[in-house]
Amino acid sequence: MQQEELLSAHLEICTGFKYYTELYDFAPVGYFSLNQVGIIHQLNLTGASQLGIVRSELVGQRFSTFVTVESQHLFNTFFASCLKVMLRDMRN
């Protein structure tokens, strides 16, 4: 009985993950997941297409590389404020 429940839970998790992955990958907007220092950890197909670079080549690169020089300060300020909010929420 317990093994059947585990198999059922595993199937449910796999199905949910597949659904999430399809929503993420095929969303009409670009999504980029960055680590705490702004390195691209994950991105969807639309994000790679918007930058015109193969997705596998973007993982591990600093996202700010793709921000114009004129917008660097604005991006860095915004990114820092996002990190503050995220860290604050993690503590609560």
C-alpha atoms as a PDB file:
ATOM      1  CA  MET A   1       0.000   0.000   0.000  1.00  0.00           C
ATOM      2  CA  GLN A   2       2.752   2.448   0.949  1.00  0.00           C
ATOM      3  CA  GLN A   3       4.660   1.737  -2.263  1.00  0.00           C
ATOM      4  CA  GLU A   4       1.524   2.439  -4.327  1.00  0.00           C
ATOM      5  CA  GLU A   5       1.109   5.770  -2.551  1.00  0.00           C
ATOM      6  CA  LEU A   6       4.749   6.646  -3.216  1.00  0.00           C
ATOM      7  CA  LEU A   7       4.412   5.753  -6.901  1.00  0.00           C
ATOM      8  CA  SER A   8       1.223   7.790  -7.136  1.00  0.00           C
ATOM      9  CA  ALA A   9       2.903  10.790  -5.476  1.00  0.00           C
ATOM     10  CA  HIS A  10       5.905  10.448  -7.789  1.00  0.00           C
ATOM     11  CA  LEU A  11       3.657  10.395 -10.856  1.00  0.00           C
ATOM     12  CA  GLU A  12       1.789  13.456  -9.602  1.00  0.00           C
ATOM     13  CA  ILE A  13       5.062  15.343  -9.061  1.00  0.00           C
ATOM     14  CA  CYS A  14       6.376  14.386 -12.504  1.00  0.00           C
ATOM     15  CA  THR A  15       3.132  15.470 -14.160  1.00  0.00           C
ATOM     16  CA  GLY A  16       3.174  18.789 -12.316  1.00  0.00           C
ATOM     17  CA  PHE A  17       6.813  19.385 -13.203  1.00  0.00           C
ATOM     18  CA  LYS A  18       6.137  18.666 -16.894  1.00  0.00           C
ATOM     19  CA  TYR A  19       3.195  21.077 -16.848  1.00  0.00           C
ATOM     20  CA  TYR A  20       5.290  23.796 -15.162  1.00  0.00           C
ATOM     21  CA  THR A  21       8.159  23.260 -17.607  1.00  0.00           C
ATOM     22  CA  GLU A  22       5.876  23.579 -20.621  1.00  0.00           C
ATOM     23  CA  LEU A  23       4.291  26.755 -19.239  1.00  0.00           C
ATOM     24  CA  TYR A  24       7.715  28.226 -18.480  1.00  0.00           C
ATOM     25  CA  ASP A  25       9.417  27.217 -21.724  1.00  0.00           C
ATOM     26  CA  PHE A  26       6.636  28.210 -24.091  1.00  0.00           C
ATOM     27  CA  ALA A  27       5.457  31.402 -22.380  1.00  0.00           C
ATOM     28  CA  PRO A  28       5.145  34.334 -24.793  1.00  0.00           C
ATOM     29  CA  VAL A  29       7.501  36.461 -22.662  1.00  0.00           C
ATOM     30  CA  GLY A  30      11.103  35.895 -21.701  1.00  0.00           C
ATOM     31  CA  TYR A  31      11.761  34.586 -18.202  1.00  0.00           C
ATOM     32  CA  PHE A  32      15.216  34.616 -16.640  1.00  0.00           C
ATOM     33  CA  SER A  33      16.049  33.125 -13.246  1.00  0.00           C
ATOM     34  CA  LEU A  34      19.141  34.748 -11.768  1.00  0.00           C
ATOM     35  CA  ASN A  35      21.206  33.848  -8.744  1.00  0.00           C
ATOM     36  CA  GLN A  36      22.153  36.387  -6.056  1.00  0.00           C
ATOM     37  CA  VAL A  37      24.954  37.902  -8.137  1.00  0.00           C
ATOM     38  CA  GLY A  38      22.970  38.166 -11.371  1.00  0.00           C
ATOM     39  CA  ILE A  39      24.176  35.034 -13.146  1.00  0.00           C
ATOM     40  CA  ILE A  40      21.566  33.358 -15.357  1.00  0.00           C
ATOM     41  CA  HIS A  41      20.590  30.087 -13.724  1.00  0.00           C
ATOM     42  CA  GLN A  42      17.621  29.238 -15.946  1.00  0.00           C
ATOM     43  CA  LEU A  43      15.693  30.839 -18.792  1.00  0.00           C
ATOM     44  CA  ASN A  44      12.890  29.951 -21.119  1.00  0.00           C
ATOM     45  CA  LEU A  45      12.979  29.535 -24.888  1.00  0.00           C
ATOM     46  CA  THR A  46      11.418  32.952 -25.483  1.00  0.00           C
ATOM     47  CA  GLY A  47      14.139  34.671 -23.440  1.00  0.00           C
ATOM     48  CA  ALA A  48      16.849  32.959 -25.474  1.00  0.00           C
ATOM     49  CA  SER A  49      15.058  33.877 -28.689  1.00  0.00           C
ATOM     50  CA  GLN A  50      14.788  37.516 -27.614  1.00  0.00           C
ATOM     51  CA  LEU A  51      18.539  37.664 -27.086  1.00  0.00           C
ATOM     52  CA  GLY A  52      19.228  35.650 -30.230  1.00  0.00           C
ATOM     53  CA  ILE A  53      21.494  33.220 -28.382  1.00  0.00           C
ATOM     54  CA  VAL A  54      21.102  29.489 -27.797  1.00  0.00           C
ATOM     55  CA  ARG A  55      19.723  28.865 -24.312  1.00  0.00           C
ATOM     56  CA  SER A  56      22.553  26.565 -23.246  1.00  0.00           C
ATOM     57  CA  GLU A  57      25.075  29.320 -24.032  1.00  0.00           C
ATOM     58  CA  LEU A  58      23.258  31.813 -21.795  1.00  0.00           C
ATOM     59  CA  VAL A  59      23.233  29.737 -18.622  1.00  0.00           C
ATOM     60  CA  GLY A  60      26.124  30.849 -16.447  1.00  0.00           C
ATOM     61  CA  GLN A  61      26.452  34.294 -18.028  1.00  0.00           C
ATOM     62  CA  ARG A  62      25.900  37.537 -16.132  1.00  0.00           C
ATOM     63  CA  PHE A  63      22.494  38.941 -17.134  1.00  0.00           C
ATOM     64  CA  SER A  64      23.725  42.541 -16.931  1.00  0.00           C
ATOM     65  CA  THR A  65      25.907  41.802 -19.968  1.00  0.00           C
ATOM     66  CA  PHE A  66      22.716  42.109 -22.020  1.00  0.00           C
ATOM     67  CA  VAL A  67      21.611  45.402 -20.471  1.00  0.00           C
ATOM     68  CA  THR A  68      22.604  48.552 -22.334  1.00  0.00           C
ATOM     69  CA  VAL A  69      25.312  50.705 -20.801  1.00  0.00           C
ATOM     70  CA  GLU A  70      22.777  53.506 -20.341  1.00  0.00           C
ATOM     71  CA  SER A  71      20.501  51.198 -18.332  1.00  0.00           C
ATOM     72  CA  GLN A  72      23.151  49.456 -16.209  1.00  0.00           C
ATOM     73  CA  HIS A  73      22.687  51.706 -13.153  1.00  0.00           C
ATOM     74  CA  LEU A  74      18.894  51.349 -13.284  1.00  0.00           C
ATOM     75  CA  PHE A  75      19.141  47.571 -13.651  1.00  0.00           C
ATOM     76  CA  ASN A  76      21.652  47.232 -10.801  1.00  0.00           C
ATOM     77  CA  THR A  77      19.472  49.356  -8.504  1.00  0.00           C
ATOM     78  CA  PHE A  78      16.352  47.370  -9.390  1.00  0.00           C
ATOM     79  CA  PHE A  79      18.124  44.031  -8.981  1.00  0.00           C
ATOM     80  CA  ALA A  80      19.504  45.047  -5.568  1.00  0.00           C
ATOM     81  CA  SER A  81      16.036  46.078  -4.388  1.00  0.00           C
ATOM     82  CA  CYS A  82      14.589  42.758  -5.575  1.00  0.00           C
ATOM     83  CA  LEU A  83      17.233  40.889  -3.590  1.00  0.00           C
ATOM     84  CA  LYS A  84      16.445  42.931  -0.456  1.00  0.00           C
ATOM     85  CA  VAL A  85      12.747  42.098  -0.726  1.00  0.00           C
ATOM     86  CA  MET A  86      13.452  38.426  -1.380  1.00  0.00           C
ATOM     87  CA  LEU A  87      15.838  38.154   1.580  1.00  0.00           C
ATOM     88  CA  ARG A  88      13.397  39.980   3.841  1.00  0.00           C
ATOM     89  CA  ASP A  89      10.573  37.632   2.825  1.00  0.00           C
ATOM     90  CA  MET A  90      12.785  34.588   3.411  1.00  0.00           C
ATOM     91  CA  ARG A  91      13.443  35.724   6.985  1.00  0.00           C
ATOM     92  CA  ASN A  92       9.753  36.166   7.781  1.00  0.00           C
END
